[in-house]
Protein backbone atom coordinates (compact mmCIF):
# COMPACT_ATOMS: atom_id res chain seq x y z
CA MET A 1 -5.30 39.65 -44.22
CA LEU A 2 -5.15 42.22 -46.99
CA ILE A 3 -8.79 41.51 -47.91
CA ALA A 4 -9.87 42.00 -44.29
CA VAL A 5 -8.23 45.44 -44.26
CA VAL A 6 -9.35 46.56 -47.73
CA LEU A 7 -12.94 45.23 -47.71
CA PRO A 8 -14.42 47.70 -45.17
CA ILE A 9 -12.48 50.58 -46.74
CA LEU A 10 -14.02 49.81 -50.14
CA ALA A 11 -17.43 49.18 -48.57
CA GLY A 12 -17.29 52.59 -46.89
CA ILE A 13 -16.24 54.43 -50.05
CA SER A 14 -18.96 52.70 -52.10
CA VAL A 15 -21.67 53.91 -49.71
CA TRP A 16 -21.18 57.39 -51.13
CA ILE A 17 -21.31 56.13 -54.72
CA LEU A 18 -24.03 53.47 -54.83
CA PRO A 19 -27.62 54.65 -55.50
CA PHE A 20 -29.49 52.86 -52.70
CA LYS A 21 -33.25 52.66 -53.20
CA SER A 22 -33.96 53.08 -49.51
CA ARG A 23 -32.27 53.69 -46.17
CA ARG A 24 -32.98 50.08 -45.23
CA ALA A 25 -31.06 48.83 -48.28
CA MET A 26 -28.07 50.96 -47.31
CA LEU A 27 -28.14 49.68 -43.73
CA VAL A 28 -28.35 46.04 -44.83
CA TYR A 29 -25.39 46.63 -47.17
CA LEU A 30 -23.35 48.24 -44.40
CA GLU A 31 -24.05 45.57 -41.79
CA ALA A 32 -23.37 42.82 -44.32
CA GLY A 33 -20.00 44.37 -45.21
CA VAL A 34 -19.00 44.71 -41.56
CA ILE A 35 -20.12 41.18 -40.65
CA LEU A 36 -18.31 39.73 -43.67
CA THR A 37 -15.13 41.50 -42.56
CA SER A 38 -15.52 40.14 -39.04
CA LEU A 39 -16.03 36.63 -40.44
CA LEU A 40 -12.80 37.03 -42.43
CA VAL A 41 -11.01 37.99 -39.21
CA LEU A 42 -12.52 34.93 -37.52
CA TRP A 43 -11.23 32.74 -40.36
CA LEU A 44 -7.77 34.25 -39.94
CA LEU A 45 -7.89 33.55 -36.21
CA LEU A 46 -8.83 29.90 -36.80
CA HIS A 47 -6.26 29.42 -39.59
CA GLN A 48 -3.63 31.79 -38.26
CA PRO A 49 -1.27 32.30 -41.25
CA GLN A 50 2.42 32.03 -40.43
CA ASN A 51 3.73 34.00 -43.39
CA ALA A 52 3.77 37.78 -43.74
CA ILE A 53 2.14 39.48 -46.73
CA THR A 54 4.07 42.39 -48.29
CA VAL A 55 1.77 44.77 -50.14
CA PHE A 56 4.36 47.32 -51.14
CA ARG A 57 8.12 47.61 -50.67
CA PHE A 58 9.75 51.04 -50.72
CA THR A 59 13.39 50.08 -50.30
CA GLY A 60 15.40 47.77 -48.08
CA ASN A 61 13.39 46.93 -44.97
CA LEU A 62 10.82 49.67 -45.58
CA SER A 63 7.58 47.98 -46.61
CA VAL A 64 3.85 47.84 -45.97
CA THR A 65 3.51 44.32 -44.63
CA PHE A 66 0.85 42.42 -42.71
CA ARG A 67 1.30 39.54 -40.28
CA MET A 68 -0.86 38.10 -37.51
CA ASP A 69 1.04 37.43 -34.30
CA GLY A 70 -0.52 36.86 -30.88
CA LEU A 71 -0.94 40.52 -29.83
CA GLY A 72 -2.21 41.53 -33.28
CA ALA A 73 -4.65 38.60 -33.32
CA PHE A 74 -6.05 39.69 -29.95
CA TYR A 75 -6.62 43.28 -31.04
CA ALA A 76 -8.09 42.25 -34.41
CA ALA A 77 -10.48 39.86 -32.65
CA LEU A 78 -11.58 42.57 -30.21
CA VAL A 79 -12.28 45.07 -32.99
CA ALA A 80 -14.01 42.46 -35.17
CA PHE A 81 -16.37 41.51 -32.35
CA LEU A 82 -17.34 45.03 -31.29
CA TRP A 83 -17.78 46.69 -34.68
CA PRO A 84 -20.90 44.84 -35.93
CA LEU A 85 -22.65 45.59 -32.61
CA ALA A 86 -21.62 49.25 -32.81
CA MET A 87 -22.96 49.44 -36.38
CA LEU A 88 -26.30 47.96 -35.34
CA TYR A 89 -26.64 50.49 -32.53
CA SER A 90 -25.73 53.37 -34.84
CA PHE A 91 -28.55 52.54 -37.29
CA GLU A 92 -31.21 53.60 -34.81
CA TYR A 93 -29.20 56.43 -33.29
CA MET A 94 -28.48 58.09 -36.64
CA LYS A 95 -32.11 58.13 -37.84
CA HIS A 96 -32.37 61.85 -37.22
CA GLU A 97 -29.17 62.61 -39.21
CA HIS A 98 -30.84 62.67 -42.62
CA GLY A 99 -28.50 64.95 -44.55
CA ASN A 100 -25.11 63.69 -43.34
CA GLU A 101 -25.92 60.02 -42.80
CA LYS A 102 -24.07 58.71 -45.83
CA SER A 103 -20.96 60.66 -44.89
CA PHE A 104 -21.14 59.34 -41.35
CA PHE A 105 -21.43 55.69 -42.34
CA MET A 106 -18.76 56.03 -45.01
CA PHE A 107 -16.11 57.15 -42.52
CA TYR A 108 -17.46 54.85 -39.79
CA VAL A 109 -16.89 51.74 -41.92
CA ILE A 110 -13.58 52.94 -43.38
CA THR A 111 -12.31 53.34 -39.82
CA TYR A 112 -12.92 49.63 -39.26
CA GLY A 113 -10.54 48.65 -42.06
CA ILE A 114 -7.85 51.09 -40.96
CA THR A 115 -8.02 49.87 -37.35
CA LEU A 116 -7.51 46.32 -38.62
CA GLY A 117 -4.52 47.65 -40.54
CA VAL A 118 -2.96 48.77 -37.26
CA ALA A 119 -3.74 45.43 -35.60
CA LEU A 120 -2.25 43.34 -38.41
CA ALA A 121 0.81 45.52 -39.09
CA GLU A 122 3.98 43.43 -39.30
CA ASN A 123 6.39 46.33 -38.80
CA ILE A 124 6.53 49.79 -37.31
CA LEU A 125 6.26 51.58 -40.67
CA THR A 126 3.00 49.81 -41.53
CA MET A 127 1.60 50.51 -38.07
CA TYR A 128 2.57 54.18 -38.28
CA PHE A 129 1.00 54.49 -41.74
CA PHE A 130 -2.38 53.19 -40.58
CA PHE A 131 -2.04 55.00 -37.25
CA GLU A 132 -1.88 58.31 -39.13
CA MET A 133 -4.70 57.35 -41.49
CA LEU A 134 -6.88 56.57 -38.46
CA SER A 135 -6.45 60.13 -37.20
CA LEU A 136 -7.43 61.60 -40.57
CA VAL A 137 -10.55 59.48 -41.21
CA THR A 138 -11.94 60.05 -37.71
CA VAL A 139 -11.75 63.86 -37.93
CA PRO A 140 -14.94 64.03 -40.10
CA LEU A 141 -16.70 61.82 -37.53
CA VAL A 142 -15.84 64.20 -34.69
CA MET A 143 -16.95 67.13 -36.87
CA HIS A 144 -20.12 65.33 -38.03
CA THR A 145 -22.73 67.72 -36.61
CA ARG A 146 -20.91 70.70 -38.21
CA THR A 147 -21.72 72.91 -35.22
CA ARG A 148 -19.19 75.49 -34.08
CA GLU A 149 -18.39 73.34 -31.03
CA ALA A 150 -17.89 70.24 -33.22
CA VAL A 151 -15.56 72.08 -35.63
CA LYS A 152 -13.49 73.41 -32.72
CA ALA A 153 -13.33 69.94 -31.14
CA SER A 154 -12.22 68.39 -34.43
CA ARG A 155 -9.41 70.96 -34.77
CA ILE A 156 -8.17 70.25 -31.24
CA TYR A 157 -8.39 66.52 -31.96
CA LEU A 158 -6.42 66.86 -35.18
CA TYR A 159 -3.73 69.09 -33.63
CA ASN A 160 -3.17 66.57 -30.84
CA MET A 161 -3.06 63.62 -33.21
CA LEU A 162 -0.60 65.29 -35.59
CA GLY A 163 1.61 66.44 -32.73
CA GLY A 164 1.67 62.97 -31.23
CA ALA A 165 2.43 61.45 -34.62
CA ALA A 166 5.44 63.76 -34.98
CA PHE A 167 6.96 62.41 -31.76
CA ALA A 168 6.09 58.85 -32.78
CA PHE A 169 7.80 59.48 -36.13
CA ILE A 170 11.05 60.34 -34.35
CA GLY A 171 10.88 57.00 -32.55
CA MET A 172 10.18 55.15 -35.78
CA ILE A 173 13.22 56.69 -37.50
CA PHE A 174 15.40 55.76 -34.52
CA ILE A 175 14.23 52.13 -34.69
CA LEU A 176 14.77 52.00 -38.44
CA THR A 177 18.28 53.40 -37.97
CA TYR A 178 19.46 51.41 -34.96
CA GLY A 179 17.28 48.33 -35.19
CA THR A 180 18.23 45.00 -36.68
CA SER A 181 14.80 44.95 -38.36
CA SER A 182 11.71 47.11 -38.78
CA SER A 183 9.54 44.11 -37.83
CA PHE A 184 7.88 43.61 -34.47
CA VAL A 185 9.87 41.01 -32.56
CA ALA A 186 9.22 39.99 -28.95
CA GLY A 187 12.05 41.43 -26.86
CA GLY A 188 12.81 44.31 -29.24
CA VAL A 189 15.01 44.85 -32.28
CA LEU A 190 17.50 47.52 -31.18
CA ASP A 191 21.17 46.80 -31.79
CA LEU A 192 22.69 48.03 -28.50
CA GLU A 193 26.24 47.75 -29.86
CA ARG A 194 25.44 50.23 -32.63
CA ILE A 195 23.82 52.58 -30.13
CA GLY A 196 27.01 52.44 -28.05
CA GLY A 197 27.38 55.46 -25.76
CA ARG A 198 24.16 57.04 -27.00
CA SER A 199 21.99 55.18 -24.48
CA ASN A 200 20.60 58.40 -22.97
CA LEU A 201 19.60 59.56 -26.44
CA MET A 202 17.83 56.25 -26.93
CA LEU A 203 15.91 56.75 -23.67
CA VAL A 204 14.89 60.29 -24.67
CA ILE A 205 13.63 58.94 -28.00
CA TYR A 206 11.71 56.17 -26.21
CA VAL A 207 9.94 58.69 -23.97
CA LEU A 208 9.06 60.85 -26.99
CA CYS A 209 7.85 57.83 -28.97
CA PHE A 210 5.82 56.42 -26.07
CA CYS A 211 4.16 59.78 -25.41
CA GLY A 212 3.60 60.36 -29.14
CA PHE A 213 1.66 57.14 -29.59
CA SER A 214 -0.02 57.60 -26.19
CA VAL A 215 -1.54 60.93 -27.20
CA LYS A 216 -4.31 58.76 -28.65
CA THR A 217 -4.85 57.34 -25.15
CA ALA A 218 -5.16 60.91 -23.83
CA ILE A 219 -2.14 60.64 -21.52
CA TRP A 220 -1.56 63.74 -19.35
CA PRO A 221 -0.93 66.53 -20.29
CA PHE A 222 -2.62 65.70 -23.63
CA SER A 223 -5.95 64.63 -22.10
CA GLY A 224 -8.22 67.52 -23.04
CA TRP A 225 -9.04 66.42 -26.59
CA LEU A 226 -10.94 63.31 -25.51
CA PRO A 227 -13.81 64.91 -23.52
CA LYS A 228 -14.11 67.65 -26.16
CA ALA A 229 -14.57 64.96 -28.84
CA GLY A 230 -17.73 63.92 -26.98
CA VAL A 231 -19.59 66.51 -29.04
CA ALA A 232 -19.73 63.88 -31.79
CA PRO A 233 -22.70 61.44 -32.03
CA THR A 234 -22.63 58.67 -29.41
CA PRO A 235 -21.64 55.89 -31.87
CA VAL A 236 -18.57 57.98 -32.66
CA THR A 237 -17.67 58.72 -29.05
CA ALA A 238 -18.06 55.03 -28.20
CA LEU A 239 -15.83 54.26 -31.19
CA LEU A 240 -13.24 56.83 -30.08
CA HIS A 241 -13.34 56.00 -26.37
CA ALA A 242 -13.74 52.23 -26.32
CA VAL A 243 -12.81 50.56 -29.60
CA ALA A 244 -10.62 52.19 -32.21
CA VAL A 245 -8.67 55.37 -31.53
CA VAL A 246 -7.82 55.11 -27.85
CA ASN A 247 -7.13 51.38 -27.90
CA THR A 248 -4.94 51.89 -30.94
CA GLY A 249 -2.78 54.25 -28.88
CA ALA A 250 -2.42 51.67 -26.10
CA PHE A 251 -1.74 48.93 -28.65
CA ALA A 252 0.99 51.04 -30.29
CA ALA A 253 2.56 51.71 -26.87
CA MET A 254 2.70 47.94 -26.29
CA ARG A 255 4.31 47.40 -29.67
CA VAL A 256 7.09 49.97 -29.28
CA THR A 257 7.82 48.98 -25.66
CA TYR A 258 7.83 45.20 -25.95
CA TYR A 259 8.43 44.59 -29.66
CA SER A 260 10.64 47.47 -30.88
CA PHE A 261 12.73 49.10 -28.14
CA GLY A 262 12.49 46.06 -25.87
CA THR A 263 12.02 46.13 -22.09
CA ASP A 264 15.65 45.14 -21.38
CA ALA A 265 16.86 48.43 -22.85
CA VAL A 266 14.47 50.64 -20.85
CA LYS A 267 13.51 48.84 -17.63
CA GLY A 268 15.10 50.31 -14.51
CA THR A 269 16.16 53.54 -16.24
CA TRP A 270 15.01 57.11 -15.71
CA ALA A 271 12.90 56.77 -18.87
CA GLN A 272 10.74 54.10 -17.25
CA ALA A 273 10.31 56.37 -14.23
CA VAL A 274 9.25 59.32 -16.41
CA VAL A 275 6.59 57.44 -18.36
CA MET A 276 5.32 55.74 -15.19
CA ILE A 277 4.92 59.11 -13.45
CA LEU A 278 2.94 60.46 -16.41
CA VAL A 279 0.71 57.39 -16.38
CA ILE A 280 0.05 57.59 -12.61
CA ILE A 281 -0.79 61.30 -12.87
CA THR A 282 -3.25 60.52 -15.69
CA ILE A 283 -5.00 57.78 -13.68
CA VAL A 284 -5.75 60.16 -10.79
CA TYR A 285 -6.31 63.25 -12.93
CA GLY A 286 -8.85 61.54 -15.21
CA CYS A 287 -11.05 60.16 -12.44
CA SER A 288 -10.82 63.46 -10.51
CA ARG A 289 -12.11 65.36 -13.55
CA ALA A 290 -14.85 62.77 -14.03
CA LEU A 291 -16.01 63.35 -10.46
CA LYS A 292 -16.29 67.07 -11.13
CA GLU A 293 -17.95 66.79 -14.57
CA THR A 294 -21.76 67.20 -14.78
CA HIS A 295 -22.24 66.42 -18.49
CA LEU A 296 -22.98 62.69 -18.84
CA LYS A 297 -20.85 61.87 -21.88
CA ARG A 298 -17.97 64.07 -20.76
CA ARG A 299 -18.01 62.36 -17.35
CA LEU A 300 -17.64 59.00 -19.10
CA ALA A 301 -14.92 60.50 -21.31
CA TRP A 302 -12.84 61.56 -18.30
CA SER A 303 -13.40 58.09 -16.88
CA THR A 304 -11.93 56.75 -20.12
CA VAL A 305 -8.87 58.97 -19.72
CA SER A 306 -8.21 57.35 -16.35
CA ASN A 307 -8.88 53.78 -17.46
CA LEU A 308 -6.71 54.04 -20.56
CA SER A 309 -3.76 54.76 -18.31
CA TYR A 310 -4.51 51.55 -16.44
CA MET A 311 -3.45 49.85 -19.68
CA LEU A 312 -0.40 52.08 -20.00
CA PHE A 313 0.48 51.33 -16.37
CA GLY A 314 0.67 47.65 -17.27
CA VAL A 315 2.82 48.53 -20.29
CA VAL A 316 5.36 50.62 -18.34
CA LEU A 317 5.78 47.93 -15.67
CA MET A 318 7.73 46.24 -18.48
CA SER A 319 7.08 42.68 -17.37
CA PRO A 320 5.14 39.77 -18.90
CA LEU A 321 2.53 40.00 -16.13
CA GLY A 322 2.22 43.75 -16.66
CA LEU A 323 1.58 43.24 -20.38
CA LEU A 324 -1.00 40.56 -19.57
CA GLY A 325 -2.78 42.95 -17.20
CA ALA A 326 -2.71 45.70 -19.82
CA VAL A 327 -4.18 43.44 -22.51
CA ALA A 328 -6.82 42.12 -20.11
CA HIS A 329 -7.87 45.65 -19.19
CA MET A 330 -8.03 46.61 -22.86
CA LEU A 331 -10.48 43.77 -23.44
CA PHE A 332 -12.60 44.35 -20.35
CA HIS A 333 -12.59 48.14 -20.51
CA SER A 334 -13.68 48.04 -24.15
CA VAL A 335 -16.79 46.09 -23.19
CA MET A 336 -17.51 48.10 -20.04
CA LYS A 337 -17.03 51.51 -21.58
CA ILE A 338 -18.78 50.95 -24.91
CA CYS A 339 -21.72 49.64 -22.86
CA SER A 340 -21.83 52.71 -20.61
CA PHE A 341 -21.52 55.07 -23.58
CA PHE A 342 -24.28 53.29 -25.46
CA CYS A 343 -26.50 53.52 -22.36
CA ALA A 344 -25.78 57.24 -22.15
CA GLY A 345 -26.53 57.60 -25.86
CA ALA A 346 -29.83 55.74 -25.47
CA VAL A 347 -30.85 58.14 -22.69
CA MET A 348 -29.91 61.17 -24.75
CA TYR A 349 -31.63 59.78 -27.84
CA GLN A 350 -34.88 58.95 -26.00
CA THR A 351 -35.11 61.96 -23.70
CA GLY A 352 -32.76 64.68 -25.02
CA ARG A 353 -31.18 64.95 -21.55
CA ASN A 354 -27.41 65.46 -21.39
CA TYR A 355 -26.56 66.27 -17.78
CA VAL A 356 -26.37 64.11 -14.67
CA HIS A 357 -28.85 66.25 -12.71
CA GLU A 358 -31.43 65.69 -15.49
CA LEU A 359 -31.45 61.91 -15.01
CA ASP A 360 -33.64 61.91 -11.86
CA GLY A 361 -36.33 59.23 -12.00
CA LEU A 362 -35.34 57.81 -15.39
CA GLY A 363 -34.31 54.47 -13.88
CA ARG A 364 -37.94 53.47 -13.44
CA LYS A 365 -38.97 54.61 -16.92
CA MET A 366 -35.98 53.08 -18.71
CA PRO A 367 -35.35 49.97 -16.57
CA LYS A 368 -33.42 48.01 -19.22
CA VAL A 369 -31.01 50.81 -20.07
CA PHE A 370 -30.34 51.81 -16.48
CA GLY A 371 -30.18 48.22 -15.27
CA ILE A 372 -27.41 47.54 -17.79
CA PHE A 373 -25.75 50.88 -16.99
CA THR A 374 -25.65 49.83 -13.33
CA VAL A 375 -23.86 46.62 -14.30
CA SER A 376 -21.28 48.59 -16.28
CA ALA A 377 -20.85 51.02 -13.36
CA LEU A 378 -20.18 48.18 -10.92
CA ALA A 379 -17.76 46.57 -13.38
CA LEU A 380 -15.83 49.84 -13.84
CA MET A 381 -15.59 50.17 -10.06
CA GLY A 382 -13.96 46.75 -9.92
CA VAL A 383 -16.64 44.83 -8.00
CA PRO A 384 -15.61 41.14 -7.69
CA GLY A 385 -17.56 38.86 -10.02
CA LEU A 386 -17.43 41.36 -12.87
CA CYS A 387 -14.64 41.75 -15.38
CA GLY A 388 -13.25 45.08 -14.15
CA PHE A 389 -12.02 43.48 -10.94
CA VAL A 390 -9.96 40.87 -12.81
CA SER A 391 -7.76 43.21 -14.86
CA LYS A 392 -7.19 45.56 -11.91
CA TRP A 393 -6.10 42.61 -9.80
CA TYR A 394 -3.55 41.51 -12.40
CA LEU A 395 -2.22 45.05 -12.77
CA ALA A 396 -1.81 45.38 -9.00
CA GLU A 397 -0.16 41.95 -8.81
CA ALA A 398 2.27 42.90 -11.58
CA ALA A 399 3.09 46.16 -9.78
CA VAL A 400 3.84 44.40 -6.48
CA GLU A 401 5.89 41.74 -8.27
CA SER A 402 8.03 44.44 -9.93
CA GLU A 403 9.38 45.67 -6.55
CA ASN A 404 9.47 49.17 -8.05
CA VAL A 405 8.69 51.99 -5.60
CA LEU A 406 6.87 53.98 -8.27
CA ALA A 407 4.81 50.88 -9.09
CA TYR A 408 3.63 50.84 -5.47
CA VAL A 409 2.52 54.45 -5.92
CA GLY A 410 0.68 53.22 -9.02
CA VAL A 411 -1.22 50.68 -6.92
CA ALA A 412 -2.26 53.49 -4.57
CA ALA A 413 -3.44 55.45 -7.63
CA LEU A 414 -5.53 52.44 -8.72
CA LEU A 415 -7.19 52.33 -5.29
CA VAL A 416 -7.92 56.06 -5.33
CA SER A 417 -9.30 55.72 -8.84
CA ALA A 418 -11.58 52.84 -7.77
CA LEU A 419 -13.00 54.98 -4.95
CA LEU A 420 -13.61 58.00 -7.18
CA THR A 421 -15.10 55.75 -9.89
CA ALA A 422 -17.59 54.43 -7.34
CA ILE A 423 -18.63 57.97 -6.48
CA TYR A 424 -19.04 59.38 -10.00
CA MET A 425 -20.73 56.27 -11.44
CA LEU A 426 -23.05 55.48 -8.53
CA THR A 427 -24.14 59.12 -8.36
CA ILE A 428 -25.76 58.58 -11.76
CA VAL A 429 -27.39 55.31 -10.69
CA VAL A 430 -28.74 56.70 -7.42
CA ARG A 431 -30.24 59.77 -9.09
CA ALA A 432 -31.90 57.61 -11.73
CA TYR A 433 -33.56 55.24 -9.22
CA PHE A 434 -34.02 57.45 -6.14
CA PRO A 435 -34.90 60.98 -7.28
CA GLY A 436 -36.22 62.13 -3.88
CA LYS A 437 -39.60 62.71 -2.24
CA ASP A 438 -40.37 65.95 -4.03
CA PHE A 439 -39.70 64.54 -7.49
CA ASP A 440 -42.36 65.24 -10.14
CA GLU A 441 -43.09 61.92 -11.90
CA SER A 442 -44.81 63.71 -14.77
CA SER A 443 -41.46 65.23 -15.84
CA VAL A 444 -40.34 61.80 -17.09
CA SER A 445 -43.70 60.43 -18.20
CA ASP A 446 -42.66 60.19 -21.86
CA ALA A 447 -39.36 58.40 -21.25
CA LYS A 448 -39.03 54.75 -22.27
CA ASP A 449 -36.45 52.18 -23.33
CA PRO A 450 -35.29 52.33 -26.99
CA ASN A 451 -35.96 49.65 -29.61
CA TRP A 452 -34.15 46.33 -30.05
CA MET A 453 -31.38 47.74 -32.30
CA MET A 454 -30.10 49.78 -29.38
CA LEU A 455 -30.91 47.26 -26.65
CA ALA A 456 -29.47 44.12 -28.26
CA PRO A 457 -25.82 45.30 -28.10
CA LEU A 458 -26.36 46.45 -24.50
CA PHE A 459 -27.59 43.02 -23.39
CA VAL A 460 -24.63 41.36 -25.14
CA PHE A 461 -22.17 43.63 -23.30
CA ALA A 462 -23.89 43.09 -19.93
CA ILE A 463 -23.71 39.31 -20.35
CA LEU A 464 -20.05 39.53 -21.33
CA MET A 465 -19.19 41.52 -18.20
CA PHE A 466 -20.51 38.64 -16.09
CA CYS A 467 -18.99 35.93 -18.30
CA PHE A 468 -15.56 37.57 -18.28
CA GLY A 469 -15.80 38.02 -14.51
CA PHE A 470 -16.83 34.48 -13.58
CA GLY A 471 -14.81 32.87 -16.39
CA ALA A 472 -11.73 35.00 -15.74
CA GLU A 473 -9.35 32.06 -15.44
CA LYS A 474 -10.15 30.80 -18.94
CA VAL A 475 -10.06 34.30 -20.45
CA ILE A 476 -6.67 35.06 -18.90
CA SER A 477 -5.38 31.68 -20.07
CA VAL A 478 -6.39 32.48 -23.67
CA LEU A 479 -4.80 35.94 -23.48
CA ASN A 480 -1.62 34.49 -22.03
CA MET A 481 -1.49 31.94 -24.82
CA ALA A 482 -1.98 34.66 -27.45
CA LEU A 483 0.85 36.80 -26.02
CA SER A 484 3.23 33.86 -26.01
CA ARG A 485 2.91 33.41 -29.81
């Protein structure tokens, strides 16, 4: 486990040091390092070690320790699968970034190792440590272009991440003080007898901790940083919005709710109501902003804001079925959204067009990209047969099963979100394929699909959306088995 975390960090650092003879040699080195790391994760999944590995002990129960339980194994597997495909896509996309390419790939690969550190963390201190490191190493990626807009976006991103971490830190201290252990244990670790009459204080701390970790998922009112971060290159925005940063926030929210505070201590209290209201507001707010947005990547970013709170909605239902729905949506949304972002990046890379109204007629000139984008759009809408429908169904089922009035409001929010998603995603598809009678075909005469390095990941994601949709029963069974470990 330690090797899997350290290897990509060292590989990223060495990119800046090693004197590569050519760009091709550097790319081969990078892809080899990422694939080797993913193979190590695969080995860990097949030979799931039972013992924890302590790297460093501060004092008492304060240590940096790794362990692979069911939830951690799921997140590590998701990251390990997506990262090599994201790297391959980035090789073509970053061709034009001659001066800063080494810096980009250095931080891009280091982020892989740190994300695995979050996934494999055995206790809340280890998770918090890597959670903070993730914020710091992704700032240079957001700021990569060094434009005034990118620098401003990176500052906003950093301020939000540090502010969220401060609230999360309060929760961590509370768990270390009133918990029987710092480790993640299903059902929670709080000693309710020691808390005594301070139950309201505990609930306040839970809300602060949940919101602190959820800043990375762009929960309202901390949603603005995510669309602004879209100024970064597409491989970075896909990384931020579909793989590492945002999913890490949802993963951390699952950990503190189900494995630290415990659902028995929070379920049915005013604290559950508060976090559920924030999540429901975010679901509707995100898709409403996406409907209004005309910039392609920012539209997808606001869509991400909404979909991330689908996961948080499952978390705050505080039931086994809710957690299953949240984990399922994390898996399916990662595939759907990284696919749609990569399609948007391919369009921008090939044509230089950034806005929805500039996409007229491109569907015929870039049939592979827009065909796959259409699949991702239908999946995000929740069309039956594709993976997006499955996770939404489980979330709605968990909400109805909870018999919580606010959960019923959440189901209504999911339905509203599905309608608005259909509008803002299909608008792009319709414009691309049906530009209108007066459309000038010569305006898109130079547009064409990108090369295989960009297309290969897109085809993989499109196939997975169908496989996850039609093979939903098996996928859910595997996820359920993982969560029960």
